[in-house]
Amino acid sequence: MPFISSHKDAENLTMTMVAEFDAKVERVWQIWEDPRQLEKWWGPPTWPATFDSHDFVPGGRASYYMTGPDGEKAAGWWLFTDISAPTTLTFDDGFADDTGNPSSTLPVTHAVATLEDVDGRTRMTIRTRFDSVQQLEELVEMGMDEGMALALGQIDAIVAD
């Protein structure tokens, strides 16, 4: 399994996920820039994602929803704040209401995904920054770390194609 570790740091308001994949950095980068590939891994296997939009440029937005096993939907959005292909992606990540508008009650996080070559494999590190300890705890309680670990576990099959 590609998932290596998850570390929650309440003092620095971060959660860091690390995974490694049997593919070159450029190939793993494609799973971020192509919304059809993102749909194959963003979200745990029982909550697959559908991206309605994916404007992959700094300042661009993505909107998506995940569909649960009973048909329930959870919507989200990203704002791409920095893109340095093929190694670094920085984005804000938030929840959305049923019409796709950003939620005013659920938290927004700030993520940095970095890709690095490790002996021909790619190590992906996703560091999420929270605005408060309460926000970190709320999202962990919602299953963010377990969901990301399951989501990352789907990537090897995608990059092998």
N, C-alpha and C. Protein backbone atom coordinates (compact mmCIF):
# COMPACT_ATOMS: atom_id res chain seq x y z
N MET A 1 0.85 -1.19 0.00
CA MET A 1 0.00 0.00 0.00
C MET A 1 0.89 1.24 0.00
N PRO A 2 0.54 2.23 -0.80
CA PRO A 2 1.38 3.41 -0.93
C PRO A 2 1.37 4.34 0.29
N PHE A 3 0.33 4.27 1.11
CA PHE A 3 0.24 5.17 2.26
C PHE A 3 1.33 4.84 3.27
N ILE A 4 2.07 5.85 3.70
CA ILE A 4 3.17 5.65 4.64
C ILE A 4 2.82 6.15 6.03
N SER A 5 2.35 7.41 6.11
CA SER A 5 2.13 7.95 7.45
C SER A 5 1.16 9.13 7.45
N SER A 6 0.63 9.37 8.65
CA SER A 6 -0.21 10.53 8.92
C SER A 6 0.24 11.09 10.26
N HIS A 7 0.46 12.39 10.30
CA HIS A 7 0.92 13.02 11.54
C HIS A 7 0.10 14.28 11.80
N LYS A 8 -0.55 14.31 12.94
CA LYS A 8 -1.31 15.50 13.36
C LYS A 8 -0.45 16.30 14.32
N ASP A 9 -0.32 17.60 14.08
CA ASP A 9 0.49 18.49 14.90
C ASP A 9 -0.38 19.66 15.36
N ALA A 10 -0.99 19.51 16.54
CA ALA A 10 -1.91 20.54 17.05
C ALA A 10 -1.19 21.86 17.31
N GLU A 11 0.05 21.78 17.73
CA GLU A 11 0.80 23.01 18.02
C GLU A 11 0.98 23.88 16.78
N ASN A 12 1.27 23.22 15.64
CA ASN A 12 1.46 23.95 14.38
C ASN A 12 0.22 23.95 13.50
N LEU A 13 -0.87 23.38 14.00
CA LEU A 13 -2.16 23.35 13.29
C LEU A 13 -2.06 22.68 11.92
N THR A 14 -1.35 21.53 11.88
CA THR A 14 -1.18 20.84 10.61
C THR A 14 -1.47 19.36 10.73
N MET A 15 -1.77 18.76 9.59
CA MET A 15 -1.82 17.32 9.45
C MET A 15 -1.04 17.01 8.17
N THR A 16 -0.11 16.06 8.27
CA THR A 16 0.74 15.72 7.13
C THR A 16 0.54 14.26 6.78
N MET A 17 0.25 14.01 5.51
CA MET A 17 0.06 12.66 4.99
C MET A 17 1.20 12.40 4.00
N VAL A 18 1.78 11.21 4.07
CA VAL A 18 2.88 10.85 3.17
C VAL A 18 2.55 9.51 2.51
N ALA A 19 2.78 9.45 1.20
CA ALA A 19 2.59 8.21 0.44
C ALA A 19 3.67 8.13 -0.63
N GLU A 20 3.96 6.92 -1.07
CA GLU A 20 4.91 6.72 -2.16
C GLU A 20 4.28 5.84 -3.23
N PHE A 21 4.67 6.14 -4.47
CA PHE A 21 4.07 5.45 -5.61
C PHE A 21 5.14 4.96 -6.58
N ASP A 22 4.86 3.84 -7.24
CA ASP A 22 5.77 3.27 -8.23
C ASP A 22 5.56 3.95 -9.57
N ALA A 23 5.89 5.23 -9.62
CA ALA A 23 5.75 6.00 -10.86
C ALA A 23 6.63 7.24 -10.74
N LYS A 24 6.96 7.80 -11.87
CA LYS A 24 7.77 9.02 -11.91
C LYS A 24 6.91 10.21 -11.46
N VAL A 25 7.60 11.25 -11.00
CA VAL A 25 6.94 12.46 -10.52
C VAL A 25 5.97 13.02 -11.55
N GLU A 26 6.39 13.07 -12.82
CA GLU A 26 5.53 13.64 -13.87
C GLU A 26 4.23 12.85 -14.02
N ARG A 27 4.30 11.53 -13.85
CA ARG A 27 3.09 10.71 -13.96
C ARG A 27 2.16 10.96 -12.77
N VAL A 28 2.71 11.05 -11.58
CA VAL A 28 1.88 11.29 -10.41
C VAL A 28 1.26 12.69 -10.47
N TRP A 29 2.00 13.66 -11.02
CA TRP A 29 1.46 15.01 -11.17
C TRP A 29 0.17 14.99 -11.99
N GLN A 30 0.09 14.12 -12.98
CA GLN A 30 -1.09 14.05 -13.84
C GLN A 30 -2.37 13.73 -13.07
N ILE A 31 -2.27 13.03 -11.94
CA ILE A 31 -3.47 12.69 -11.18
C ILE A 31 -4.07 13.91 -10.49
N TRP A 32 -3.29 14.99 -10.40
CA TRP A 32 -3.80 16.26 -9.86
C TRP A 32 -4.34 17.16 -10.97
N GLU A 33 -3.67 17.16 -12.11
CA GLU A 33 -4.05 18.12 -13.16
C GLU A 33 -5.21 17.64 -14.03
N ASP A 34 -5.50 16.36 -14.04
CA ASP A 34 -6.56 15.80 -14.88
C ASP A 34 -7.77 15.44 -14.00
N PRO A 35 -8.88 16.15 -14.14
CA PRO A 35 -10.03 15.87 -13.27
C PRO A 35 -10.59 14.46 -13.40
N ARG A 36 -10.46 13.84 -14.58
CA ARG A 36 -10.95 12.47 -14.73
C ARG A 36 -10.09 11.50 -13.90
N GLN A 37 -8.81 11.77 -13.78
CA GLN A 37 -7.96 10.94 -12.93
C GLN A 37 -8.20 11.26 -11.45
N LEU A 38 -8.43 12.52 -11.14
CA LEU A 38 -8.76 12.91 -9.75
C LEU A 38 -9.99 12.16 -9.27
N GLU A 39 -10.96 12.01 -10.15
CA GLU A 39 -12.20 11.32 -9.77
C GLU A 39 -11.95 9.87 -9.35
N LYS A 40 -10.87 9.30 -9.82
CA LYS A 40 -10.57 7.90 -9.51
C LYS A 40 -9.94 7.73 -8.14
N TRP A 41 -9.51 8.85 -7.49
CA TRP A 41 -8.86 8.67 -6.20
C TRP A 41 -9.27 9.70 -5.14
N TRP A 42 -9.75 10.88 -5.51
CA TRP A 42 -10.07 11.88 -4.50
C TRP A 42 -11.33 11.44 -3.76
N GLY A 43 -11.16 11.08 -2.53
CA GLY A 43 -12.23 10.53 -1.72
C GLY A 43 -12.02 9.04 -1.52
N PRO A 44 -12.48 8.52 -0.41
CA PRO A 44 -12.34 7.08 -0.16
C PRO A 44 -13.15 6.28 -1.18
N PRO A 45 -12.83 5.00 -1.34
CA PRO A 45 -13.51 4.19 -2.36
C PRO A 45 -15.03 4.19 -2.26
N THR A 46 -15.59 4.30 -1.07
CA THR A 46 -17.05 4.29 -0.93
C THR A 46 -17.67 5.67 -1.13
N TRP A 47 -16.84 6.71 -1.32
CA TRP A 47 -17.30 8.08 -1.55
C TRP A 47 -16.58 8.67 -2.77
N PRO A 48 -16.78 8.12 -3.98
CA PRO A 48 -16.06 8.63 -5.15
C PRO A 48 -16.45 10.07 -5.48
N ALA A 49 -15.48 10.77 -6.06
CA ALA A 49 -15.68 12.18 -6.41
C ALA A 49 -16.09 12.34 -7.87
N THR A 50 -16.83 13.40 -8.15
CA THR A 50 -17.14 13.85 -9.50
C THR A 50 -16.78 15.32 -9.56
N PHE A 51 -15.88 15.70 -10.47
CA PHE A 51 -15.48 17.10 -10.60
C PHE A 51 -16.32 17.77 -11.67
N ASP A 52 -17.05 18.82 -11.26
CA ASP A 52 -17.87 19.61 -12.18
C ASP A 52 -17.02 20.61 -12.94
N SER A 53 -16.00 21.13 -12.26
CA SER A 53 -15.09 22.09 -12.89
C SER A 53 -13.70 21.87 -12.31
N HIS A 54 -12.69 22.27 -13.08
CA HIS A 54 -11.30 22.07 -12.65
C HIS A 54 -10.43 23.01 -13.47
N ASP A 55 -10.36 24.27 -13.06
CA ASP A 55 -9.57 25.29 -13.74
C ASP A 55 -8.19 25.30 -13.10
N PHE A 56 -7.30 24.45 -13.60
CA PHE A 56 -6.00 24.15 -12.97
C PHE A 56 -4.95 25.20 -13.33
N VAL A 57 -5.16 26.40 -12.81
CA VAL A 57 -4.22 27.51 -12.95
C VAL A 57 -4.23 28.27 -11.63
N PRO A 58 -3.14 28.99 -11.29
CA PRO A 58 -3.18 29.80 -10.07
C PRO A 58 -4.37 30.77 -10.12
N GLY A 59 -5.16 30.78 -9.06
CA GLY A 59 -6.38 31.58 -9.01
C GLY A 59 -7.60 30.85 -9.54
N GLY A 60 -7.39 29.68 -10.15
CA GLY A 60 -8.50 28.89 -10.68
C GLY A 60 -9.21 28.13 -9.58
N ARG A 61 -10.39 27.65 -9.91
CA ARG A 61 -11.21 26.91 -8.95
C ARG A 61 -11.58 25.54 -9.49
N ALA A 62 -11.82 24.65 -8.55
CA ALA A 62 -12.38 23.35 -8.88
C ALA A 62 -13.61 23.17 -7.99
N SER A 63 -14.61 22.51 -8.52
CA SER A 63 -15.77 22.16 -7.70
C SER A 63 -16.07 20.69 -7.94
N TYR A 64 -16.48 20.03 -6.87
CA TYR A 64 -16.72 18.60 -6.95
C TYR A 64 -17.75 18.19 -5.91
N TYR A 65 -18.22 16.96 -6.05
CA TYR A 65 -19.04 16.36 -5.00
C TYR A 65 -18.64 14.90 -4.89
N MET A 66 -18.79 14.37 -3.70
CA MET A 66 -18.55 12.95 -3.47
C MET A 66 -19.90 12.31 -3.19
N THR A 67 -20.09 11.11 -3.71
CA THR A 67 -21.35 10.40 -3.56
C THR A 67 -21.14 9.19 -2.66
N GLY A 68 -21.90 9.15 -1.57
CA GLY A 68 -21.78 8.06 -0.60
C GLY A 68 -22.50 6.81 -1.05
N PRO A 69 -22.32 5.74 -0.30
CA PRO A 69 -22.90 4.45 -0.69
C PRO A 69 -24.42 4.44 -0.75
N ASP A 70 -25.07 5.35 -0.03
CA ASP A 70 -26.54 5.42 -0.06
C ASP A 70 -27.04 6.54 -0.95
N GLY A 71 -26.13 7.11 -1.77
CA GLY A 71 -26.53 8.16 -2.70
C GLY A 71 -26.43 9.57 -2.14
N GLU A 72 -26.09 9.71 -0.85
CA GLU A 72 -25.95 11.05 -0.29
C GLU A 72 -24.74 11.74 -0.92
N LYS A 73 -24.79 13.07 -1.00
CA LYS A 73 -23.71 13.82 -1.64
C LYS A 73 -23.12 14.83 -0.68
N ALA A 74 -21.79 15.00 -0.80
CA ALA A 74 -21.06 16.01 -0.04
C ALA A 74 -20.24 16.80 -1.05
N ALA A 75 -20.49 18.11 -1.12
CA ALA A 75 -19.84 18.94 -2.12
C ALA A 75 -18.64 19.68 -1.53
N GLY A 76 -17.69 19.99 -2.40
CA GLY A 76 -16.51 20.72 -1.98
C GLY A 76 -15.97 21.58 -3.11
N TRP A 77 -14.98 22.38 -2.77
CA TRP A 77 -14.35 23.27 -3.75
C TRP A 77 -12.88 23.44 -3.40
N TRP A 78 -12.10 23.80 -4.39
CA TRP A 78 -10.69 24.16 -4.22
C TRP A 78 -10.46 25.50 -4.88
N LEU A 79 -9.55 26.28 -4.31
CA LEU A 79 -9.01 27.47 -4.94
C LEU A 79 -7.52 27.24 -5.07
N PHE A 80 -7.01 27.14 -6.31
CA PHE A 80 -5.60 26.89 -6.54
C PHE A 80 -4.82 28.19 -6.30
N THR A 81 -3.96 28.18 -5.30
CA THR A 81 -3.22 29.40 -4.96
C THR A 81 -1.83 29.42 -5.56
N ASP A 82 -1.24 28.25 -5.83
CA ASP A 82 0.06 28.18 -6.48
C ASP A 82 0.20 26.83 -7.15
N ILE A 83 0.75 26.84 -8.36
CA ILE A 83 1.00 25.61 -9.10
C ILE A 83 2.40 25.71 -9.68
N SER A 84 3.27 24.82 -9.24
CA SER A 84 4.63 24.75 -9.76
C SER A 84 4.86 23.33 -10.27
N ALA A 85 4.39 23.09 -11.50
CA ALA A 85 4.47 21.75 -12.09
C ALA A 85 5.93 21.33 -12.25
N PRO A 86 6.23 20.07 -12.04
CA PRO A 86 5.38 18.99 -11.57
C PRO A 86 5.63 18.63 -10.10
N THR A 87 5.95 19.62 -9.29
CA THR A 87 6.34 19.27 -7.92
C THR A 87 5.50 19.84 -6.79
N THR A 88 4.82 20.98 -7.00
CA THR A 88 4.13 21.61 -5.88
C THR A 88 2.78 22.18 -6.29
N LEU A 89 1.77 21.86 -5.50
CA LEU A 89 0.42 22.37 -5.70
C LEU A 89 -0.07 22.89 -4.36
N THR A 90 -0.52 24.14 -4.34
CA THR A 90 -1.04 24.76 -3.13
C THR A 90 -2.48 25.17 -3.39
N PHE A 91 -3.38 24.80 -2.46
CA PHE A 91 -4.79 25.13 -2.68
C PHE A 91 -5.55 25.24 -1.36
N ASP A 92 -6.60 26.05 -1.39
CA ASP A 92 -7.56 26.10 -0.28
C ASP A 92 -8.63 25.07 -0.60
N ASP A 93 -9.12 24.41 0.45
CA ASP A 93 -10.06 23.29 0.29
C ASP A 93 -11.22 23.53 1.23
N GLY A 94 -12.43 23.59 0.68
CA GLY A 94 -13.58 23.86 1.53
C GLY A 94 -14.78 23.01 1.16
N PHE A 95 -15.76 23.06 2.02
CA PHE A 95 -17.03 22.38 1.79
C PHE A 95 -17.97 23.32 1.05
N ALA A 96 -18.98 22.75 0.39
CA ALA A 96 -19.96 23.56 -0.34
C ALA A 96 -21.35 23.08 0.02
N ASP A 97 -22.33 23.97 -0.22
CA ASP A 97 -23.71 23.58 0.01
C ASP A 97 -24.25 22.84 -1.21
N ASP A 98 -25.53 22.53 -1.20
CA ASP A 98 -26.14 21.74 -2.28
C ASP A 98 -26.08 22.43 -3.64
N THR A 99 -25.91 23.74 -3.65
CA THR A 99 -25.85 24.47 -4.93
C THR A 99 -24.41 24.75 -5.35
N GLY A 100 -23.43 24.26 -4.57
CA GLY A 100 -22.02 24.45 -4.92
C GLY A 100 -21.37 25.68 -4.33
N ASN A 101 -22.14 26.47 -3.57
CA ASN A 101 -21.58 27.66 -2.95
C ASN A 101 -20.80 27.27 -1.70
N PRO A 102 -19.67 27.96 -1.43
CA PRO A 102 -18.89 27.64 -0.22
C PRO A 102 -19.75 27.69 1.04
N SER A 103 -19.55 26.69 1.89
CA SER A 103 -20.27 26.61 3.16
C SER A 103 -19.80 27.72 4.09
N SER A 104 -20.74 28.34 4.77
CA SER A 104 -20.38 29.38 5.74
C SER A 104 -20.20 28.78 7.14
N THR A 105 -20.52 27.50 7.30
CA THR A 105 -20.45 26.89 8.63
C THR A 105 -19.34 25.85 8.78
N LEU A 106 -18.84 25.32 7.68
CA LEU A 106 -17.79 24.30 7.76
C LEU A 106 -16.44 24.93 7.40
N PRO A 107 -15.35 24.39 7.96
CA PRO A 107 -14.04 25.02 7.82
C PRO A 107 -13.42 24.93 6.42
N VAL A 108 -12.51 25.87 6.18
CA VAL A 108 -11.66 25.88 4.99
C VAL A 108 -10.26 25.54 5.46
N THR A 109 -9.59 24.64 4.75
CA THR A 109 -8.22 24.30 5.07
C THR A 109 -7.31 24.77 3.94
N HIS A 110 -6.02 24.73 4.21
CA HIS A 110 -5.02 25.21 3.26
C HIS A 110 -4.01 24.08 3.05
N ALA A 111 -3.90 23.56 1.84
CA ALA A 111 -3.10 22.37 1.58
C ALA A 111 -1.94 22.67 0.64
N VAL A 112 -0.84 21.95 0.87
CA VAL A 112 0.30 21.97 -0.03
C VAL A 112 0.64 20.51 -0.33
N ALA A 113 0.59 20.15 -1.61
CA ALA A 113 0.99 18.81 -2.05
C ALA A 113 2.33 18.95 -2.74
N THR A 114 3.30 18.16 -2.29
CA THR A 114 4.62 18.17 -2.92
C THR A 114 4.95 16.76 -3.40
N LEU A 115 5.59 16.71 -4.56
CA LEU A 115 6.02 15.45 -5.16
C LEU A 115 7.53 15.49 -5.28
N GLU A 116 8.18 14.40 -4.85
CA GLU A 116 9.63 14.34 -4.99
C GLU A 116 10.05 12.94 -5.41
N ASP A 117 11.11 12.89 -6.19
CA ASP A 117 11.67 11.63 -6.65
C ASP A 117 12.47 11.00 -5.52
N VAL A 118 12.16 9.74 -5.23
CA VAL A 118 12.90 8.96 -4.24
C VAL A 118 13.28 7.65 -4.92
N ASP A 119 14.48 7.61 -5.47
CA ASP A 119 14.98 6.40 -6.14
C ASP A 119 14.04 5.89 -7.23
N GLY A 120 13.54 6.80 -8.06
CA GLY A 120 12.68 6.41 -9.16
C GLY A 120 11.21 6.28 -8.81
N ARG A 121 10.90 6.35 -7.53
CA ARG A 121 9.51 6.36 -7.07
C ARG A 121 9.14 7.81 -6.76
N THR A 122 7.87 8.06 -6.51
CA THR A 122 7.44 9.40 -6.14
C THR A 122 6.90 9.40 -4.73
N ARG A 123 7.45 10.27 -3.92
CA ARG A 123 6.90 10.50 -2.58
C ARG A 123 6.02 11.74 -2.65
N MET A 124 4.75 11.55 -2.26
CA MET A 124 3.81 12.66 -2.20
C MET A 124 3.54 12.98 -0.74
N THR A 125 3.73 14.25 -0.41
CA THR A 125 3.45 14.73 0.93
C THR A 125 2.34 15.78 0.81
N ILE A 126 1.26 15.58 1.55
CA ILE A 126 0.17 16.57 1.57
C ILE A 126 0.13 17.13 2.99
N ARG A 127 0.43 18.41 3.10
CA ARG A 127 0.43 19.08 4.40
C ARG A 127 -0.76 20.03 4.43
N THR A 128 -1.68 19.76 5.33
CA THR A 128 -2.89 20.58 5.46
C THR A 128 -2.75 21.45 6.70
N ARG A 129 -3.00 22.74 6.52
CA ARG A 129 -2.94 23.70 7.64
C ARG A 129 -4.37 24.10 7.99
N PHE A 130 -4.63 24.14 9.28
CA PHE A 130 -5.94 24.50 9.81
C PHE A 130 -5.85 25.88 10.46
N ASP A 131 -6.99 26.51 10.61
CA ASP A 131 -7.02 27.84 11.23
C ASP A 131 -7.07 27.78 12.75
N SER A 132 -7.40 26.61 13.30
CA SER A 132 -7.48 26.47 14.76
C SER A 132 -7.39 25.00 15.14
N VAL A 133 -7.08 24.74 16.40
CA VAL A 133 -7.07 23.37 16.91
C VAL A 133 -8.48 22.79 16.80
N GLN A 134 -9.48 23.60 17.09
CA GLN A 134 -10.87 23.14 17.00
C GLN A 134 -11.19 22.66 15.57
N GLN A 135 -10.74 23.40 14.58
CA GLN A 135 -10.97 23.02 13.18
C GLN A 135 -10.26 21.69 12.87
N LEU A 136 -9.02 21.55 13.30
CA LEU A 136 -8.29 20.30 13.08
C LEU A 136 -9.05 19.14 13.71
N GLU A 137 -9.44 19.31 14.96
CA GLU A 137 -10.16 18.24 15.67
C GLU A 137 -11.50 17.92 15.01
N GLU A 138 -12.21 18.94 14.53
CA GLU A 138 -13.50 18.73 13.88
C GLU A 138 -13.34 17.89 12.62
N LEU A 139 -12.34 18.21 11.80
CA LEU A 139 -12.16 17.47 10.56
C LEU A 139 -11.60 16.06 10.80
N VAL A 140 -10.77 15.90 11.81
CA VAL A 140 -10.32 14.56 12.16
C VAL A 140 -11.51 13.73 12.64
N GLU A 141 -12.37 14.33 13.43
CA GLU A 141 -13.58 13.64 13.91
C GLU A 141 -14.48 13.23 12.74
N MET A 142 -14.49 14.05 11.68
CA MET A 142 -15.28 13.74 10.49
C MET A 142 -14.63 12.64 9.64
N GLY A 143 -13.41 12.23 9.98
CA GLY A 143 -12.75 11.14 9.27
C GLY A 143 -11.76 11.57 8.20
N MET A 144 -11.30 12.81 8.25
CA MET A 144 -10.41 13.30 7.21
C MET A 144 -9.15 12.46 7.05
N ASP A 145 -8.49 12.11 8.14
CA ASP A 145 -7.23 11.37 8.02
C ASP A 145 -7.47 9.95 7.49
N GLU A 146 -8.51 9.28 7.97
CA GLU A 146 -8.80 7.93 7.46
C GLU A 146 -9.23 7.97 5.99
N GLY A 147 -10.05 8.96 5.66
CA GLY A 147 -10.50 9.10 4.27
C GLY A 147 -9.36 9.37 3.32
N MET A 148 -8.41 10.23 3.73
CA MET A 148 -7.26 10.52 2.87
C MET A 148 -6.38 9.29 2.72
N ALA A 149 -6.18 8.54 3.78
CA ALA A 149 -5.36 7.32 3.69
C ALA A 149 -5.99 6.35 2.69
N LEU A 150 -7.30 6.18 2.74
CA LEU A 150 -7.99 5.30 1.79
C LEU A 150 -7.91 5.86 0.37
N ALA A 151 -8.07 7.17 0.24
CA ALA A 151 -7.99 7.80 -1.08
C ALA A 151 -6.60 7.59 -1.69
N LEU A 152 -5.56 7.85 -0.91
CA LEU A 152 -4.19 7.68 -1.41
C LEU A 152 -3.92 6.23 -1.81
N GLY A 153 -4.57 5.30 -1.16
CA GLY A 153 -4.40 3.89 -1.47
C GLY A 153 -4.90 3.50 -2.85
N GLN A 154 -5.63 4.37 -3.52
CA GLN A 154 -6.16 4.08 -4.85
C GLN A 154 -5.24 4.53 -5.98
N ILE A 155 -4.20 5.29 -5.66
CA ILE A 155 -3.39 5.93 -6.69
C ILE A 155 -2.51 4.96 -7.46
N ASP A 156 -1.92 3.97 -6.80
CA ASP A 156 -1.05 3.03 -7.52
C ASP A 156 -1.73 2.44 -8.74
N ALA A 157 -2.98 2.06 -8.63
CA ALA A 157 -3.70 1.46 -9.76
C ALA A 157 -3.88 2.46 -10.90
N ILE A 158 -4.02 3.73 -10.58
CA ILE A 158 -4.22 4.76 -11.60
C ILE A 158 -2.91 5.02 -12.35
N VAL A 159 -1.82 5.19 -11.61
CA VAL A 159 -0.55 5.52 -12.27
C VAL A 159 0.05 4.32 -12.99
N ALA A 160 -0.44 3.12 -12.72
CA ALA A 160 0.02 1.92 -13.41
C ALA A 160 -0.59 1.80 -14.80
N ASP A 161 -1.71 2.46 -15.05
CA ASP A 161 -2.39 2.37 -16.36
C ASP A 161 -1.54 2.98 -17.47
